[in-house]
N, C-alpha and C. Protein backbone atom coordinates (compact mmCIF):
# COMPACT_ATOMS: atom_id res chain seq x y z
N MET A 1 2.90 39.54 -44.25
CA MET A 1 4.23 38.99 -44.06
C MET A 1 5.24 39.97 -44.64
N ASN A 2 6.31 40.19 -43.89
CA ASN A 2 7.31 41.15 -44.31
C ASN A 2 8.67 40.46 -44.29
N LEU A 3 9.28 40.32 -45.45
CA LEU A 3 10.63 39.74 -45.54
C LEU A 3 11.57 40.83 -46.03
N ASN A 4 12.45 41.29 -45.13
CA ASN A 4 13.43 42.29 -45.56
C ASN A 4 14.64 42.24 -44.66
N ALA A 5 15.70 42.84 -45.10
CA ALA A 5 16.92 42.88 -44.30
C ALA A 5 16.77 43.95 -43.23
N THR A 6 16.88 43.56 -41.97
CA THR A 6 16.70 44.51 -40.88
C THR A 6 17.70 44.23 -39.77
N PRO A 7 18.59 45.19 -39.47
CA PRO A 7 19.46 45.00 -38.31
C PRO A 7 18.65 45.20 -37.04
N ILE A 8 18.96 44.45 -36.01
CA ILE A 8 18.27 44.56 -34.73
C ILE A 8 18.99 45.62 -33.91
N SER A 9 18.22 46.48 -33.27
CA SER A 9 18.83 47.52 -32.45
C SER A 9 17.93 47.86 -31.29
N GLY A 10 18.38 48.74 -30.42
CA GLY A 10 17.57 49.18 -29.29
C GLY A 10 17.30 48.04 -28.33
N SER A 11 16.02 47.85 -27.96
CA SER A 11 15.66 46.82 -26.98
C SER A 11 15.85 45.42 -27.52
N ASP A 12 16.01 45.28 -28.83
CA ASP A 12 16.21 43.97 -29.45
C ASP A 12 17.68 43.65 -29.63
N ALA A 13 18.57 44.43 -29.04
CA ALA A 13 20.00 44.26 -29.26
C ALA A 13 20.48 42.86 -28.91
N GLY A 14 19.84 42.20 -27.95
CA GLY A 14 20.22 40.85 -27.58
C GLY A 14 19.97 39.85 -28.68
N LEU A 15 19.15 40.20 -29.64
CA LEU A 15 18.85 39.29 -30.74
C LEU A 15 19.89 39.36 -31.85
N GLY A 16 20.86 40.26 -31.74
CA GLY A 16 21.91 40.30 -32.74
C GLY A 16 21.46 40.98 -34.02
N SER A 17 21.94 40.48 -35.13
CA SER A 17 21.62 41.07 -36.43
C SER A 17 21.02 40.01 -37.34
N ALA A 18 19.85 40.32 -37.88
CA ALA A 18 19.16 39.38 -38.76
C ALA A 18 19.41 39.74 -40.21
N THR A 19 19.51 38.72 -41.04
CA THR A 19 19.62 38.90 -42.47
C THR A 19 18.24 39.23 -43.03
N ARG A 20 17.21 38.56 -42.49
CA ARG A 20 15.83 38.76 -42.92
C ARG A 20 14.91 38.80 -41.71
N THR A 21 13.78 39.47 -41.87
CA THR A 21 12.77 39.54 -40.83
C THR A 21 11.47 38.98 -41.39
N LEU A 22 10.81 38.17 -40.59
CA LEU A 22 9.54 37.56 -40.96
C LEU A 22 8.52 37.96 -39.90
N GLU A 23 7.60 38.85 -40.26
CA GLU A 23 6.59 39.34 -39.32
C GLU A 23 5.32 38.50 -39.48
N LEU A 24 4.95 37.79 -38.42
CA LEU A 24 3.84 36.84 -38.49
C LEU A 24 2.77 37.13 -37.45
N GLN A 25 2.60 38.39 -37.07
CA GLN A 25 1.61 38.74 -36.08
C GLN A 25 0.22 38.34 -36.56
N GLY A 26 -0.56 37.76 -35.64
CA GLY A 26 -1.93 37.37 -35.95
C GLY A 26 -2.08 35.96 -36.50
N LEU A 27 -0.97 35.32 -36.85
CA LEU A 27 -1.05 33.94 -37.36
C LEU A 27 -0.86 32.96 -36.22
N SER A 28 -1.56 31.83 -36.31
CA SER A 28 -1.41 30.82 -35.27
C SER A 28 -0.92 29.51 -35.89
N CYS A 29 -0.54 28.59 -35.01
CA CYS A 29 0.01 27.30 -35.39
C CYS A 29 -0.87 26.61 -36.43
N PRO A 30 -0.26 26.06 -37.45
CA PRO A 30 1.16 25.83 -37.72
C PRO A 30 1.79 26.87 -38.65
N LEU A 31 1.06 27.93 -38.99
CA LEU A 31 1.55 28.88 -39.99
C LEU A 31 2.89 29.53 -39.66
N PRO A 32 3.16 29.97 -38.42
CA PRO A 32 4.48 30.57 -38.18
C PRO A 32 5.64 29.63 -38.48
N ILE A 33 5.51 28.37 -38.10
CA ILE A 33 6.57 27.39 -38.37
C ILE A 33 6.70 27.16 -39.88
N LEU A 34 5.58 26.98 -40.56
CA LEU A 34 5.62 26.71 -42.00
C LEU A 34 6.23 27.87 -42.78
N LYS A 35 5.86 29.10 -42.42
CA LYS A 35 6.42 30.26 -43.11
C LYS A 35 7.90 30.46 -42.80
N ALA A 36 8.30 30.17 -41.56
CA ALA A 36 9.71 30.26 -41.20
C ALA A 36 10.52 29.19 -41.95
N LYS A 37 9.97 28.00 -42.04
CA LYS A 37 10.65 26.91 -42.76
C LYS A 37 10.87 27.31 -44.23
N LYS A 38 9.85 27.91 -44.84
CA LYS A 38 9.97 28.35 -46.24
C LYS A 38 11.04 29.44 -46.36
N ALA A 39 11.00 30.42 -45.48
CA ALA A 39 11.98 31.52 -45.53
C ALA A 39 13.40 30.99 -45.34
N LEU A 40 13.59 30.09 -44.38
CA LEU A 40 14.93 29.53 -44.14
C LEU A 40 15.42 28.75 -45.35
N GLY A 41 14.51 28.10 -46.06
CA GLY A 41 14.87 27.37 -47.27
C GLY A 41 15.39 28.26 -48.38
N GLU A 42 15.03 29.54 -48.34
CA GLU A 42 15.46 30.51 -49.35
C GLU A 42 16.74 31.23 -48.95
N MET A 43 17.25 30.93 -47.76
CA MET A 43 18.43 31.62 -47.23
C MET A 43 19.67 30.74 -47.35
N ASN A 44 20.83 31.37 -47.24
CA ASN A 44 22.11 30.66 -47.27
C ASN A 44 22.48 30.19 -45.86
N SER A 45 23.30 29.17 -45.80
CA SER A 45 23.79 28.66 -44.53
C SER A 45 24.48 29.78 -43.75
N GLY A 46 24.16 29.88 -42.46
CA GLY A 46 24.77 30.88 -41.60
C GLY A 46 23.99 32.19 -41.52
N GLU A 47 23.09 32.44 -42.47
CA GLU A 47 22.28 33.65 -42.40
C GLU A 47 21.26 33.51 -41.27
N GLN A 48 20.81 34.65 -40.76
CA GLN A 48 19.91 34.64 -39.60
C GLN A 48 18.55 35.22 -39.95
N LEU A 49 17.52 34.58 -39.44
CA LEU A 49 16.13 34.98 -39.65
C LEU A 49 15.54 35.43 -38.33
N LEU A 50 14.98 36.64 -38.31
CA LEU A 50 14.25 37.11 -37.15
C LEU A 50 12.77 36.86 -37.41
N VAL A 51 12.13 36.09 -36.53
CA VAL A 51 10.71 35.80 -36.64
C VAL A 51 10.00 36.55 -35.51
N ILE A 52 8.94 37.27 -35.86
CA ILE A 52 8.14 37.99 -34.87
C ILE A 52 6.72 37.45 -34.95
N SER A 53 6.23 36.96 -33.81
CA SER A 53 4.92 36.31 -33.76
C SER A 53 4.13 36.79 -32.55
N THR A 54 2.82 36.63 -32.60
CA THR A 54 1.97 36.91 -31.45
C THR A 54 1.39 35.62 -30.86
N ASP A 55 1.68 34.49 -31.48
CA ASP A 55 1.17 33.20 -31.02
C ASP A 55 2.03 32.68 -29.87
N ARG A 56 1.45 32.55 -28.68
CA ARG A 56 2.20 32.06 -27.50
C ARG A 56 2.80 30.67 -27.72
N GLY A 57 2.16 29.86 -28.53
CA GLY A 57 2.66 28.51 -28.78
C GLY A 57 3.98 28.48 -29.51
N THR A 58 4.32 29.56 -30.19
CA THR A 58 5.59 29.58 -30.92
C THR A 58 6.80 29.53 -30.00
N TRP A 59 6.60 29.92 -28.73
CA TRP A 59 7.72 29.90 -27.77
C TRP A 59 8.35 28.51 -27.72
N ASP A 60 7.53 27.48 -27.60
CA ASP A 60 8.03 26.10 -27.57
C ASP A 60 8.18 25.52 -28.98
N ASP A 61 7.30 25.96 -29.91
CA ASP A 61 7.35 25.41 -31.26
C ASP A 61 8.69 25.65 -31.95
N PHE A 62 9.23 26.88 -31.84
CA PHE A 62 10.49 27.18 -32.53
C PHE A 62 11.67 26.48 -31.87
N ASP A 63 11.61 26.27 -30.57
CA ASP A 63 12.65 25.51 -29.88
C ASP A 63 12.67 24.07 -30.42
N TYR A 64 11.51 23.46 -30.52
CA TYR A 64 11.39 22.09 -31.04
C TYR A 64 11.80 22.04 -32.52
N PHE A 65 11.31 23.00 -33.31
CA PHE A 65 11.62 23.05 -34.73
C PHE A 65 13.13 23.11 -34.98
N CYS A 66 13.80 23.99 -34.27
CA CYS A 66 15.25 24.15 -34.46
C CYS A 66 16.02 22.91 -34.01
N SER A 67 15.63 22.34 -32.90
CA SER A 67 16.36 21.16 -32.41
C SER A 67 16.16 19.96 -33.32
N ASN A 68 15.10 19.94 -34.11
CA ASN A 68 14.84 18.81 -34.99
C ASN A 68 15.22 19.04 -36.45
N THR A 69 15.61 20.26 -36.80
CA THR A 69 15.99 20.55 -38.18
C THR A 69 17.46 20.90 -38.34
N GLY A 70 18.15 21.12 -37.23
CA GLY A 70 19.56 21.47 -37.30
C GLY A 70 19.83 22.96 -37.35
N HIS A 71 18.78 23.78 -37.46
CA HIS A 71 18.96 25.23 -37.38
C HIS A 71 19.23 25.60 -35.93
N ALA A 72 19.90 26.72 -35.71
CA ALA A 72 20.23 27.14 -34.35
C ALA A 72 19.27 28.23 -33.89
N LEU A 73 18.64 28.01 -32.75
CA LEU A 73 17.84 29.05 -32.11
C LEU A 73 18.80 29.90 -31.30
N VAL A 74 19.24 31.00 -31.90
CA VAL A 74 20.27 31.85 -31.32
C VAL A 74 19.75 32.58 -30.09
N ASP A 75 18.53 33.08 -30.18
CA ASP A 75 17.94 33.84 -29.07
C ASP A 75 16.44 33.86 -29.26
N ARG A 76 15.73 34.07 -28.14
CA ARG A 76 14.28 34.28 -28.19
C ARG A 76 13.91 35.20 -27.04
N GLN A 77 12.94 36.07 -27.32
CA GLN A 77 12.51 37.05 -26.33
C GLN A 77 11.00 37.25 -26.45
N GLU A 78 10.39 37.61 -25.33
CA GLU A 78 9.00 38.04 -25.34
C GLU A 78 8.99 39.49 -24.88
N THR A 79 8.38 40.35 -25.67
CA THR A 79 8.29 41.76 -25.35
C THR A 79 6.90 42.25 -25.70
N GLN A 80 6.13 42.65 -24.70
CA GLN A 80 4.81 43.24 -24.89
C GLN A 80 3.93 42.40 -25.82
N GLY A 81 3.88 41.10 -25.57
CA GLY A 81 3.02 40.23 -26.36
C GLY A 81 3.58 39.80 -27.70
N LEU A 82 4.80 40.23 -28.01
CA LEU A 82 5.47 39.79 -29.24
C LEU A 82 6.54 38.77 -28.88
N PHE A 83 6.55 37.69 -29.61
CA PHE A 83 7.55 36.64 -29.42
C PHE A 83 8.53 36.75 -30.57
N LYS A 84 9.81 36.95 -30.22
CA LYS A 84 10.85 37.17 -31.23
C LYS A 84 11.88 36.06 -31.14
N PHE A 85 12.21 35.51 -32.31
CA PHE A 85 13.15 34.40 -32.40
C PHE A 85 14.21 34.72 -33.43
N LEU A 86 15.46 34.53 -33.07
CA LEU A 86 16.55 34.69 -34.01
C LEU A 86 17.07 33.29 -34.33
N ILE A 87 16.94 32.90 -35.59
CA ILE A 87 17.29 31.55 -36.02
C ILE A 87 18.40 31.63 -37.05
N ARG A 88 19.48 30.87 -36.82
CA ARG A 88 20.59 30.80 -37.80
C ARG A 88 20.40 29.56 -38.64
N ARG A 89 20.38 29.74 -39.96
CA ARG A 89 20.20 28.61 -40.87
C ARG A 89 21.40 27.70 -40.82
N LYS A 90 21.13 26.41 -40.83
CA LYS A 90 22.23 25.42 -40.78
C LYS A 90 23.04 25.45 -42.05
């Protein structure tokens, strides 16, 4: 797991700018959601978290998670087997 400040650039430009990045490659449900929930709990309102996962189920999981927690799913992309989600903390 990698938590650090990383601006999005290049092919990820549509994802904007993240305050923190959470790399969760190789983890499957429910770990990506649980780790994202923990990271968001450590962030301030309005900050953005970029989550990178290889679990196909996260595509729908993060949409459901955000709609039920009040966080905003700003953008999501799939690129070469990586699922990327930009989430703004409520």
